[in-house]
Structure formats: C-alpha cells, structure tokens
C-alpha cells in the first residue's frame, strides 16, 4: 500500500493519487473476507465473486485512465 501510494506521488501526473482509495479499498475488502469469513482457500473465487471487489476493479482503470491524461 505504501509503495503504491508513493509511486502515485512520483508519477507523471499528480492526478494518479486519485486511484489510491480504490487500491486501499480492494486490499482491505479482500483482507476482511479472508479473515472474517475464512475465504482464503480459493482467492480466485473471492476476487471473481465479490461484487464490491469487482466494482472496484472496474472503477480503478477508469480513474487511472482519466488521471493519466
């Protein structure tokens, strides 16, 4: 998380910092599902079946593309 955040600060466009919340949400949502619901055995099922993670995964590229202009 720290490495991603720092890389957005040094990117060509400072607007890439707008993508940090999407990455943080995705990581913390995955950790919540693994620790609270014991869904860590098959991570691909967690990533492809959890709607909030799928929405975040769709919004991140949109915000990154918009930020890189």
N, C-alpha and C. Protein backbone atom coordinates (compact mmCIF):
# COMPACT_ATOMS: atom_id res chain seq x y z
N UNK A 1 0.83 -1.18 0.00
CA UNK A 1 0.00 0.00 0.00
C UNK A 1 0.88 1.25 0.00
N UNK A 2 1.91 1.21 0.79
CA UNK A 2 2.80 2.37 0.87
C UNK A 2 3.53 2.54 -0.45
N UNK A 3 4.00 1.44 -1.03
CA UNK A 3 4.74 1.52 -2.29
C UNK A 3 3.84 2.06 -3.40
N UNK A 4 2.60 1.59 -3.47
CA UNK A 4 1.69 2.09 -4.50
C UNK A 4 1.42 3.58 -4.30
N UNK A 5 1.16 3.96 -3.06
CA UNK A 5 0.88 5.38 -2.77
C UNK A 5 2.07 6.26 -3.14
N UNK A 6 3.26 5.83 -2.79
CA UNK A 6 4.45 6.61 -3.14
C UNK A 6 4.68 6.68 -4.64
N UNK A 7 4.37 5.59 -5.34
CA UNK A 7 4.56 5.61 -6.79
C UNK A 7 3.58 6.57 -7.47
N UNK A 8 2.40 6.74 -6.90
CA UNK A 8 1.46 7.70 -7.49
C UNK A 8 1.91 9.14 -7.25
N UNK A 9 2.62 9.36 -6.15
CA UNK A 9 3.13 10.71 -5.88
C UNK A 9 4.24 11.09 -6.86
N UNK A 10 4.98 10.09 -7.33
CA UNK A 10 6.09 10.38 -8.24
C UNK A 10 5.72 10.13 -9.70
N UNK A 11 4.45 9.83 -9.98
CA UNK A 11 4.01 9.59 -11.36
C UNK A 11 4.06 10.89 -12.16
N UNK A 12 3.96 10.75 -13.47
CA UNK A 12 3.99 11.92 -14.35
C UNK A 12 2.83 12.86 -14.06
N UNK A 13 1.71 12.30 -13.64
CA UNK A 13 0.53 13.09 -13.36
C UNK A 13 0.18 12.96 -11.88
N UNK A 14 0.06 14.07 -11.20
CA UNK A 14 -0.31 14.05 -9.78
C UNK A 14 -1.75 13.55 -9.60
N UNK A 15 -2.53 13.53 -10.66
CA UNK A 15 -3.92 13.06 -10.57
C UNK A 15 -3.99 11.56 -10.31
N UNK A 16 -2.90 10.83 -10.49
CA UNK A 16 -2.90 9.39 -10.19
C UNK A 16 -3.15 9.12 -8.72
N UNK A 17 -2.96 10.11 -7.88
CA UNK A 17 -3.24 9.93 -6.45
C UNK A 17 -4.72 9.65 -6.22
N UNK A 18 -5.56 9.99 -7.17
CA UNK A 18 -7.00 9.72 -7.05
C UNK A 18 -7.31 8.23 -7.10
N UNK A 19 -6.36 7.42 -7.54
CA UNK A 19 -6.58 5.97 -7.61
C UNK A 19 -6.26 5.26 -6.30
N UNK A 20 -5.64 5.94 -5.36
CA UNK A 20 -5.25 5.31 -4.10
C UNK A 20 -6.45 4.73 -3.34
N UNK A 21 -7.58 5.44 -3.20
CA UNK A 21 -8.70 4.85 -2.45
C UNK A 21 -9.22 3.53 -3.04
N UNK A 22 -9.17 3.38 -4.35
CA UNK A 22 -9.63 2.14 -4.97
C UNK A 22 -8.73 0.97 -4.58
N UNK A 23 -7.44 1.22 -4.60
CA UNK A 23 -6.48 0.17 -4.23
C UNK A 23 -6.61 -0.19 -2.76
N UNK A 24 -6.70 0.81 -1.91
CA UNK A 24 -6.83 0.56 -0.48
C UNK A 24 -8.12 -0.20 -0.16
N UNK A 25 -9.22 0.22 -0.78
CA UNK A 25 -10.49 -0.48 -0.54
C UNK A 25 -10.39 -1.93 -0.98
N UNK A 26 -9.84 -2.18 -2.16
CA UNK A 26 -9.73 -3.55 -2.66
C UNK A 26 -8.89 -4.43 -1.75
N UNK A 27 -7.78 -3.92 -1.26
CA UNK A 27 -6.92 -4.70 -0.37
C UNK A 27 -7.62 -4.98 0.95
N UNK A 28 -8.21 -3.94 1.54
CA UNK A 28 -8.86 -4.14 2.83
C UNK A 28 -10.13 -4.99 2.72
N UNK A 29 -10.83 -4.89 1.62
CA UNK A 29 -12.02 -5.74 1.42
C UNK A 29 -11.60 -7.19 1.32
N UNK A 30 -10.54 -7.47 0.58
CA UNK A 30 -10.04 -8.84 0.47
C UNK A 30 -9.60 -9.37 1.83
N UNK A 31 -8.87 -8.55 2.58
CA UNK A 31 -8.44 -8.98 3.91
C UNK A 31 -9.62 -9.25 4.83
N UNK A 32 -10.66 -8.44 4.74
CA UNK A 32 -11.87 -8.66 5.53
C UNK A 32 -12.49 -10.02 5.20
N UNK A 33 -12.61 -10.30 3.92
CA UNK A 33 -13.22 -11.57 3.51
C UNK A 33 -12.38 -12.77 3.94
N UNK A 34 -11.07 -12.63 3.87
CA UNK A 34 -10.19 -13.74 4.24
C UNK A 34 -10.24 -13.98 5.75
N UNK A 35 -10.17 -12.91 6.53
CA UNK A 35 -10.08 -13.09 7.99
C UNK A 35 -11.43 -13.29 8.67
N UNK A 36 -12.46 -12.62 8.22
CA UNK A 36 -13.76 -12.74 8.88
C UNK A 36 -14.59 -13.91 8.37
N UNK A 37 -14.47 -14.21 7.10
CA UNK A 37 -15.32 -15.25 6.50
C UNK A 37 -14.54 -16.49 6.08
N UNK A 38 -13.25 -16.51 6.38
CA UNK A 38 -12.39 -17.66 6.05
C UNK A 38 -12.49 -18.06 4.57
N UNK A 39 -12.36 -17.10 3.69
CA UNK A 39 -12.46 -17.37 2.26
C UNK A 39 -11.10 -17.37 1.57
N UNK A 40 -10.03 -17.60 2.31
CA UNK A 40 -8.70 -17.54 1.74
C UNK A 40 -8.23 -18.77 1.01
N UNK A 41 -8.98 -19.85 1.08
CA UNK A 41 -8.56 -21.09 0.43
C UNK A 41 -8.52 -20.97 -1.09
N UNK A 42 -9.46 -20.26 -1.65
CA UNK A 42 -9.53 -20.10 -3.11
C UNK A 42 -9.64 -18.61 -3.43
N UNK A 43 -8.52 -17.90 -3.51
CA UNK A 43 -8.57 -16.45 -3.71
C UNK A 43 -9.22 -16.04 -5.03
N UNK A 44 -9.13 -16.87 -6.04
CA UNK A 44 -9.75 -16.50 -7.32
C UNK A 44 -11.27 -16.44 -7.18
N UNK A 45 -11.85 -17.31 -6.35
CA UNK A 45 -13.29 -17.25 -6.12
C UNK A 45 -13.68 -15.98 -5.37
N UNK A 46 -12.86 -15.57 -4.43
CA UNK A 46 -13.12 -14.34 -3.69
C UNK A 46 -13.09 -13.16 -4.65
N UNK A 47 -12.08 -13.10 -5.49
CA UNK A 47 -11.91 -11.95 -6.37
C UNK A 47 -12.95 -11.89 -7.48
N UNK A 48 -13.42 -13.03 -7.95
CA UNK A 48 -14.36 -13.04 -9.07
C UNK A 48 -15.82 -13.12 -8.66
N UNK A 49 -16.11 -13.33 -7.38
CA UNK A 49 -17.50 -13.45 -6.94
C UNK A 49 -17.95 -12.34 -6.01
N UNK A 50 -17.03 -11.56 -5.48
CA UNK A 50 -17.39 -10.49 -4.55
C UNK A 50 -17.70 -9.22 -5.36
N UNK A 51 -18.93 -8.78 -5.28
CA UNK A 51 -19.38 -7.63 -6.08
C UNK A 51 -18.61 -6.34 -5.75
N UNK A 52 -18.40 -5.98 -4.47
CA UNK A 52 -17.64 -4.75 -4.21
C UNK A 52 -16.22 -4.77 -4.79
N UNK A 53 -15.57 -5.92 -4.76
CA UNK A 53 -14.23 -6.00 -5.35
C UNK A 53 -14.31 -5.88 -6.87
N UNK A 54 -15.32 -6.48 -7.48
CA UNK A 54 -15.48 -6.38 -8.93
C UNK A 54 -15.75 -4.94 -9.35
N UNK A 55 -16.57 -4.23 -8.59
CA UNK A 55 -16.86 -2.83 -8.91
C UNK A 55 -15.60 -1.99 -8.77
N UNK A 56 -14.84 -2.24 -7.71
CA UNK A 56 -13.59 -1.51 -7.50
C UNK A 56 -12.60 -1.81 -8.62
N UNK A 57 -12.54 -3.07 -9.03
CA UNK A 57 -11.63 -3.45 -10.11
C UNK A 57 -12.04 -2.81 -11.44
N UNK A 58 -13.30 -2.52 -11.61
CA UNK A 58 -13.76 -1.85 -12.84
C UNK A 58 -13.54 -0.34 -12.77
N UNK A 59 -13.66 0.22 -11.58
CA UNK A 59 -13.51 1.67 -11.44
C UNK A 59 -12.05 2.12 -11.42
N UNK A 60 -11.14 1.27 -10.95
CA UNK A 60 -9.74 1.66 -10.88
C UNK A 60 -9.17 2.00 -12.26
N UNK A 61 -9.32 1.14 -13.29
CA UNK A 61 -8.77 1.51 -14.60
C UNK A 61 -9.40 2.78 -15.18
N UNK A 62 -10.68 2.96 -14.90
CA UNK A 62 -11.36 4.17 -15.39
C UNK A 62 -10.75 5.40 -14.76
N UNK A 63 -10.50 5.35 -13.46
CA UNK A 63 -9.90 6.52 -12.80
C UNK A 63 -8.44 6.67 -13.19
N UNK A 64 -7.73 5.58 -13.40
CA UNK A 64 -6.33 5.68 -13.81
C UNK A 64 -6.21 6.25 -15.21
N UNK A 65 -7.11 5.86 -16.11
CA UNK A 65 -7.08 6.39 -17.46
C UNK A 65 -7.42 7.87 -17.46
N UNK A 66 -8.37 8.25 -16.65
CA UNK A 66 -8.75 9.65 -16.57
C UNK A 66 -7.62 10.48 -15.94
N UNK A 67 -6.90 9.89 -15.00
CA UNK A 67 -5.83 10.60 -14.31
C UNK A 67 -4.59 10.74 -15.19
N UNK A 68 -4.39 9.84 -16.12
CA UNK A 68 -3.17 9.87 -16.93
C UNK A 68 -3.25 10.86 -18.09
N UNK A 69 -4.37 11.49 -18.27
CA UNK A 69 -4.49 12.46 -19.38
C UNK A 69 -3.71 13.70 -19.11
